[in-house]
Structures are given as C-alpha cells and as structure tokens.
C-alpha cells in the first residue's frame, strides 16, 4: 500500500481520540519521541492508546489539517494543525496545537515517530 495514503488515512480518521481506531494503525513495537511545549517524552503503544482514551473523555470530535506531507523511502513527514470539539462546546473547533512529525512505517504500520509540537 502507498505509505503516504496510510498516513493521510490515519490523520483523516478519528484515531487521535479513539483508541480502537488508533490501534489499527500502530505497529506492536511503535515508539514516538515527542518534543512538546512542556518537554520531551517517549511513548510506546500502550502510552499512545492511553493518551487517545484520555483525550476521548474530553473531546467529541477531532480534525487534522495537513499543510505539508512529504514521502521519502519508508519515511513520511507531516506538518499539521490539530483541532477538537469539546464536550462543553460541541459546535466549535478549537485549535490545540501545531505539529511536525516524521513517521517511519514498518509492515504498513506506524513504527517510529519523531514529533515536535507547539501549543497555540
């Protein structure tokens, strides 16, 4: 399958706030290295599924707007903005943060991620 299409499908789905959907995209040995506004963290499969579960308790919808996507070999780089609708305000999307991530895919699954984010 086209690796760029896998990434586009991943971000078009509600996987960032739905652990069941997210699980279908994650390699068993996934590792995400994330430099966020609050510091550096490493997340494995269990950590990512827990984060999606936690986010699903506060957000009812998730939207990703991709501004750039570049594929080279088995790497796909994505620059995007992540917005959500909250339980308290279900009519309006609120921008959470801007992201830049480089994904390495293995067996057509997200395997290694190198991500930076900035809260707005």
N, C-alpha and C. Protein backbone atom coordinates (compact mmCIF):
# COMPACT_ATOMS: atom_id res chain seq x y z
N UNK A 1 0.84 -1.19 0.00
CA UNK A 1 0.00 0.00 0.00
C UNK A 1 0.88 1.25 0.00
N UNK A 2 0.36 2.31 -0.51
CA UNK A 2 1.05 3.59 -0.56
C UNK A 2 1.20 4.14 0.87
N UNK A 3 2.44 4.34 1.30
CA UNK A 3 2.70 4.80 2.67
C UNK A 3 2.11 6.17 2.94
N UNK A 4 2.16 7.05 1.95
CA UNK A 4 1.59 8.39 2.11
C UNK A 4 0.08 8.29 2.34
N UNK A 5 -0.58 7.37 1.65
CA UNK A 5 -2.01 7.17 1.82
C UNK A 5 -2.33 6.64 3.22
N UNK A 6 -1.49 5.76 3.74
CA UNK A 6 -1.70 5.25 5.10
C UNK A 6 -1.69 6.42 6.09
N UNK A 7 -0.72 7.31 5.94
CA UNK A 7 -0.61 8.47 6.84
C UNK A 7 -1.82 9.39 6.67
N UNK A 8 -2.21 9.66 5.44
CA UNK A 8 -3.39 10.50 5.21
C UNK A 8 -4.64 9.88 5.82
N UNK A 9 -4.81 8.57 5.65
CA UNK A 9 -5.96 7.88 6.24
C UNK A 9 -5.92 7.95 7.77
N UNK A 10 -4.73 7.81 8.33
CA UNK A 10 -4.55 7.88 9.78
C UNK A 10 -5.02 9.23 10.32
N UNK A 11 -4.58 10.31 9.71
CA UNK A 11 -4.95 11.63 10.20
C UNK A 11 -6.38 12.03 9.85
N UNK A 12 -6.96 11.45 8.81
CA UNK A 12 -8.36 11.74 8.47
C UNK A 12 -9.32 10.99 9.38
N UNK A 13 -8.86 9.90 9.97
CA UNK A 13 -9.71 9.15 10.90
C UNK A 13 -9.75 9.88 12.24
N UNK A 14 -10.54 9.39 13.15
CA UNK A 14 -10.60 9.98 14.49
C UNK A 14 -9.63 9.26 15.43
N UNK A 15 -8.57 8.71 14.88
CA UNK A 15 -7.65 7.88 15.66
C UNK A 15 -6.99 8.60 16.83
N UNK A 16 -6.82 9.92 16.72
CA UNK A 16 -6.15 10.64 17.80
C UNK A 16 -6.99 10.71 19.07
N UNK A 17 -8.31 10.48 18.94
CA UNK A 17 -9.17 10.46 20.14
C UNK A 17 -9.97 9.16 20.24
N UNK A 18 -9.59 8.15 19.47
CA UNK A 18 -10.30 6.87 19.50
C UNK A 18 -9.28 5.74 19.55
N UNK A 19 -9.06 5.16 20.74
CA UNK A 19 -8.03 4.13 20.87
C UNK A 19 -8.28 2.88 20.03
N UNK A 20 -9.53 2.55 19.76
CA UNK A 20 -9.84 1.38 18.94
C UNK A 20 -9.35 1.59 17.51
N UNK A 21 -9.63 2.77 16.97
CA UNK A 21 -9.17 3.10 15.62
C UNK A 21 -7.65 3.25 15.61
N UNK A 22 -7.12 3.92 16.60
CA UNK A 22 -5.67 4.13 16.69
C UNK A 22 -4.91 2.81 16.67
N UNK A 23 -5.39 1.82 17.38
CA UNK A 23 -4.72 0.53 17.48
C UNK A 23 -4.49 -0.11 16.12
N UNK A 24 -5.39 0.15 15.17
CA UNK A 24 -5.25 -0.46 13.83
C UNK A 24 -4.08 0.12 13.05
N UNK A 25 -3.61 1.29 13.42
CA UNK A 25 -2.51 1.95 12.71
C UNK A 25 -1.15 1.73 13.37
N UNK A 26 -1.12 1.27 14.60
CA UNK A 26 0.13 1.19 15.35
C UNK A 26 0.81 -0.16 15.22
N UNK A 27 2.09 -0.14 14.95
CA UNK A 27 2.93 -1.34 15.00
C UNK A 27 3.05 -1.76 16.46
N UNK A 28 3.19 -3.03 16.72
CA UNK A 28 3.32 -3.51 18.11
C UNK A 28 4.52 -2.88 18.82
N UNK A 29 5.57 -2.58 18.08
CA UNK A 29 6.80 -2.03 18.67
C UNK A 29 6.96 -0.52 18.42
N UNK A 30 5.86 0.19 18.27
CA UNK A 30 5.93 1.62 17.97
C UNK A 30 6.63 2.38 19.11
N UNK A 31 7.34 3.41 18.71
CA UNK A 31 7.96 4.33 19.66
C UNK A 31 7.84 5.73 19.08
N UNK A 32 7.24 6.64 19.85
CA UNK A 32 7.13 8.04 19.45
C UNK A 32 8.00 8.87 20.37
N UNK A 33 8.94 9.60 19.79
CA UNK A 33 9.76 10.55 20.54
C UNK A 33 9.17 11.93 20.28
N UNK A 34 8.69 12.58 21.34
CA UNK A 34 7.89 13.80 21.20
C UNK A 34 8.51 14.94 21.99
N UNK A 35 8.90 15.98 21.29
CA UNK A 35 9.35 17.23 21.91
C UNK A 35 8.15 18.17 21.91
N UNK A 36 7.54 18.33 23.08
CA UNK A 36 6.35 19.17 23.19
C UNK A 36 6.72 20.50 23.84
N UNK A 37 5.74 21.35 23.96
CA UNK A 37 5.95 22.65 24.62
C UNK A 37 6.34 22.48 26.08
N UNK A 38 6.00 21.32 26.65
CA UNK A 38 6.29 21.09 28.07
C UNK A 38 7.49 20.18 28.32
N UNK A 39 8.12 19.68 27.24
CA UNK A 39 9.29 18.83 27.43
C UNK A 39 9.31 17.64 26.49
N UNK A 40 10.23 16.72 26.74
CA UNK A 40 10.45 15.55 25.89
C UNK A 40 9.86 14.31 26.54
N UNK A 41 9.14 13.53 25.75
CA UNK A 41 8.62 12.24 26.23
C UNK A 41 8.77 11.19 25.15
N UNK A 42 8.89 9.95 25.59
CA UNK A 42 8.87 8.79 24.70
C UNK A 42 7.60 8.02 25.01
N UNK A 43 6.90 7.64 23.96
CA UNK A 43 5.64 6.93 24.15
C UNK A 43 5.65 5.63 23.33
N UNK A 44 5.23 4.54 23.98
CA UNK A 44 5.10 3.27 23.29
C UNK A 44 3.62 3.04 22.94
N UNK A 45 3.30 1.86 22.46
CA UNK A 45 1.93 1.56 22.03
C UNK A 45 0.92 1.78 23.15
N UNK A 46 1.20 1.24 24.31
CA UNK A 46 0.30 1.37 25.46
C UNK A 46 0.11 2.84 25.85
N UNK A 47 1.19 3.61 25.85
CA UNK A 47 1.11 5.03 26.19
C UNK A 47 0.22 5.79 25.20
N UNK A 48 0.39 5.50 23.92
CA UNK A 48 -0.39 6.19 22.89
C UNK A 48 -1.87 5.83 22.97
N UNK A 49 -2.17 4.56 23.23
CA UNK A 49 -3.57 4.15 23.37
C UNK A 49 -4.20 4.78 24.62
N UNK A 50 -3.43 4.89 25.69
CA UNK A 50 -3.92 5.54 26.91
C UNK A 50 -4.19 7.02 26.66
N UNK A 51 -3.30 7.68 25.91
CA UNK A 51 -3.49 9.09 25.60
C UNK A 51 -4.77 9.28 24.77
N UNK A 52 -4.98 8.46 23.77
CA UNK A 52 -6.20 8.57 22.95
C UNK A 52 -7.44 8.34 23.79
N UNK A 53 -7.37 7.40 24.71
CA UNK A 53 -8.50 7.14 25.60
C UNK A 53 -8.79 8.34 26.49
N UNK A 54 -7.73 8.93 27.02
CA UNK A 54 -7.88 10.12 27.87
C UNK A 54 -8.47 11.29 27.08
N UNK A 55 -7.99 11.50 25.86
CA UNK A 55 -8.50 12.58 25.02
C UNK A 55 -9.97 12.37 24.67
N UNK A 56 -10.37 11.12 24.50
CA UNK A 56 -11.77 10.84 24.14
C UNK A 56 -12.75 11.21 25.24
N UNK A 57 -12.27 11.35 26.45
CA UNK A 57 -13.15 11.74 27.55
C UNK A 57 -13.46 13.24 27.54
N UNK A 58 -12.63 14.03 26.88
CA UNK A 58 -12.82 15.49 26.85
C UNK A 58 -13.27 16.02 25.50
N UNK A 59 -12.93 15.30 24.44
CA UNK A 59 -13.19 15.79 23.09
C UNK A 59 -14.14 14.86 22.35
N UNK A 60 -15.12 15.47 21.65
CA UNK A 60 -16.09 14.64 20.93
C UNK A 60 -15.78 14.51 19.45
N UNK A 61 -14.96 15.40 18.92
CA UNK A 61 -14.53 15.36 17.53
C UNK A 61 -13.09 15.83 17.43
N UNK A 62 -12.41 15.33 16.41
CA UNK A 62 -11.03 15.69 16.19
C UNK A 62 -10.84 15.95 14.70
N UNK A 63 -10.08 17.01 14.39
CA UNK A 63 -9.84 17.35 12.98
C UNK A 63 -8.37 17.71 12.82
N UNK A 64 -7.76 17.15 11.80
CA UNK A 64 -6.37 17.44 11.48
C UNK A 64 -6.34 18.12 10.12
N UNK A 65 -5.68 19.27 10.06
CA UNK A 65 -5.50 19.99 8.80
C UNK A 65 -4.02 19.91 8.42
N UNK A 66 -3.75 19.13 7.38
CA UNK A 66 -2.38 18.91 6.93
C UNK A 66 -2.00 20.01 5.94
N UNK A 67 -0.88 20.68 6.22
CA UNK A 67 -0.40 21.70 5.30
C UNK A 67 0.73 21.19 4.41
N UNK A 68 1.50 20.20 4.90
CA UNK A 68 2.60 19.63 4.14
C UNK A 68 2.69 18.13 4.42
N UNK A 69 2.97 17.36 3.38
CA UNK A 69 3.24 15.93 3.54
C UNK A 69 4.26 15.54 2.48
N UNK A 70 5.36 14.92 2.91
CA UNK A 70 6.45 14.55 2.02
C UNK A 70 6.87 13.11 2.33
N UNK A 71 6.99 12.29 1.29
CA UNK A 71 7.41 10.91 1.45
C UNK A 71 8.78 10.72 0.83
N UNK A 72 9.65 10.02 1.55
CA UNK A 72 10.95 9.63 1.02
C UNK A 72 11.28 8.26 1.58
N UNK A 73 11.36 7.26 0.72
CA UNK A 73 11.60 5.89 1.17
C UNK A 73 10.46 5.43 2.05
N UNK A 74 10.80 4.91 3.23
CA UNK A 74 9.75 4.47 4.16
C UNK A 74 9.47 5.52 5.24
N UNK A 75 9.83 6.78 4.96
CA UNK A 75 9.57 7.89 5.88
C UNK A 75 8.53 8.83 5.27
N UNK A 76 7.62 9.31 6.11
CA UNK A 76 6.63 10.29 5.69
C UNK A 76 6.64 11.42 6.72
N UNK A 77 6.88 12.65 6.25
CA UNK A 77 6.88 13.83 7.12
C UNK A 77 5.58 14.58 6.94
N UNK A 78 5.01 15.03 8.07
CA UNK A 78 3.72 15.71 8.04
C UNK A 78 3.77 16.94 8.93
N UNK A 79 3.26 18.04 8.40
CA UNK A 79 3.06 19.26 9.19
C UNK A 79 1.57 19.49 9.24
N UNK A 80 1.02 19.62 10.47
CA UNK A 80 -0.43 19.72 10.59
C UNK A 80 -0.85 20.50 11.83
N UNK A 81 -2.12 20.92 11.81
CA UNK A 81 -2.75 21.57 12.96
C UNK A 81 -3.84 20.62 13.45
N UNK A 82 -3.90 20.42 14.77
CA UNK A 82 -4.90 19.53 15.36
C UNK A 82 -5.92 20.35 16.13
N UNK A 83 -7.18 20.23 15.71
CA UNK A 83 -8.29 20.94 16.36
C UNK A 83 -9.29 19.92 16.89
N UNK A 84 -10.05 20.34 17.92
CA UNK A 84 -11.02 19.45 18.55
C UNK A 84 -12.30 20.21 18.88
N UNK A 85 -13.37 19.44 19.06
CA UNK A 85 -14.61 19.97 19.62
C UNK A 85 -14.73 19.38 21.01
N UNK A 86 -14.98 20.24 21.98
CA UNK A 86 -15.08 19.80 23.37
C UNK A 86 -16.52 19.42 23.72
N UNK A 87 -16.64 18.68 24.80
CA UNK A 87 -17.96 18.32 25.31
C UNK A 87 -18.72 19.59 25.68
N UNK A 88 -18.02 20.55 26.27
CA UNK A 88 -18.64 21.79 26.70
C UNK A 88 -19.04 22.70 25.54
N UNK A 89 -18.33 22.61 24.42
CA UNK A 89 -18.59 23.48 23.27
C UNK A 89 -18.56 22.64 21.99
N UNK A 90 -19.61 21.83 21.76
CA UNK A 90 -19.61 20.90 20.63
C UNK A 90 -19.81 21.53 19.26
N UNK A 91 -20.07 22.82 19.19
CA UNK A 91 -20.34 23.48 17.91
C UNK A 91 -19.11 24.11 17.26
N UNK A 92 -18.03 24.23 18.03
CA UNK A 92 -16.88 24.97 17.54
C UNK A 92 -15.59 24.16 17.69
N UNK A 93 -14.78 24.15 16.63
CA UNK A 93 -13.45 23.54 16.72
C UNK A 93 -12.49 24.50 17.40
N UNK A 94 -11.66 23.96 18.27
CA UNK A 94 -10.64 24.74 18.98
C UNK A 94 -9.28 24.16 18.60
N UNK A 95 -8.36 25.02 18.15
CA UNK A 95 -7.03 24.58 17.78
C UNK A 95 -6.25 24.20 19.04
N UNK A 96 -5.77 22.96 19.10
CA UNK A 96 -4.97 22.50 20.24
C UNK A 96 -3.50 22.87 20.08
N UNK A 97 -2.93 22.50 18.92
CA UNK A 97 -1.50 22.72 18.71
C UNK A 97 -1.14 22.52 17.25
N UNK A 98 0.05 22.97 16.91
CA UNK A 98 0.65 22.72 15.60
C UNK A 98 1.72 21.65 15.77
N UNK A 99 1.82 20.76 14.79
CA UNK A 99 2.72 19.61 14.88
C UNK A 99 3.56 19.46 13.62
N UNK A 100 4.74 18.89 13.80
CA UNK A 100 5.59 18.42 12.72
C UNK A 100 6.08 17.05 13.15
N UNK A 101 5.88 16.05 12.30
CA UNK A 101 6.27 14.70 12.66
C UNK A 101 6.87 13.98 11.46
N UNK A 102 7.86 13.17 11.73
CA UNK A 102 8.43 12.26 10.73
C UNK A 102 8.05 10.85 11.17
N UNK A 103 7.31 10.15 10.33
CA UNK A 103 6.90 8.77 10.63
C UNK A 103 7.71 7.79 9.80
N UNK A 104 8.20 6.75 10.46
CA UNK A 104 8.78 5.60 9.78
C UNK A 104 7.74 4.49 9.85
N UNK A 105 7.44 3.89 8.73
CA UNK A 105 6.46 2.82 8.70
C UNK A 105 7.15 1.47 8.54
N UNK A 106 6.57 0.47 9.17
CA UNK A 106 7.07 -0.90 9.06
C UNK A 106 5.86 -1.81 8.99
N UNK A 107 5.83 -2.70 8.02
CA UNK A 107 4.68 -3.57 7.82
C UNK A 107 3.39 -2.77 7.66
N UNK A 108 3.50 -1.60 7.00
CA UNK A 108 2.38 -0.69 6.75
C UNK A 108 1.72 -0.18 8.03
N UNK A 109 2.50 -0.07 9.10
CA UNK A 109 2.04 0.45 10.39
C UNK A 109 3.00 1.53 10.86
N UNK A 110 2.51 2.42 11.72
CA UNK A 110 3.36 3.45 12.32
C UNK A 110 4.34 2.77 13.26
N UNK A 111 5.64 2.94 12.99
CA UNK A 111 6.67 2.21 13.73
C UNK A 111 7.55 3.13 14.58
N UNK A 112 8.05 4.21 13.98
CA UNK A 112 8.85 5.19 14.71
C UNK A 112 8.34 6.58 14.34
N UNK A 113 8.20 7.43 15.36
CA UNK A 113 7.77 8.78 15.13
C UNK A 113 8.66 9.77 15.84
N UNK A 114 8.96 10.86 15.18
CA UNK A 114 9.78 11.92 15.74
C UNK A 114 8.98 13.21 15.57
N UNK A 115 8.43 13.69 16.67
CA UNK A 115 7.42 14.73 16.62
C UNK A 115 7.79 15.93 17.48
N UNK A 116 7.45 17.12 16.97
CA UNK A 116 7.54 18.34 17.77
C UNK A 116 6.18 19.03 17.70
N UNK A 117 5.82 19.71 18.77
CA UNK A 117 4.54 20.40 18.80
C UNK A 117 4.67 21.72 19.54
N UNK A 118 3.75 22.61 19.20
CA UNK A 118 3.68 23.90 19.87
C UNK A 118 2.22 24.23 20.12
N UNK A 119 1.90 24.45 21.37
CA UNK A 119 0.54 24.84 21.74
C UNK A 119 0.32 26.27 21.30
N UNK A 120 -0.89 26.56 20.84
CA UNK A 120 -1.21 27.92 20.41
C UNK A 120 -1.86 28.71 21.53
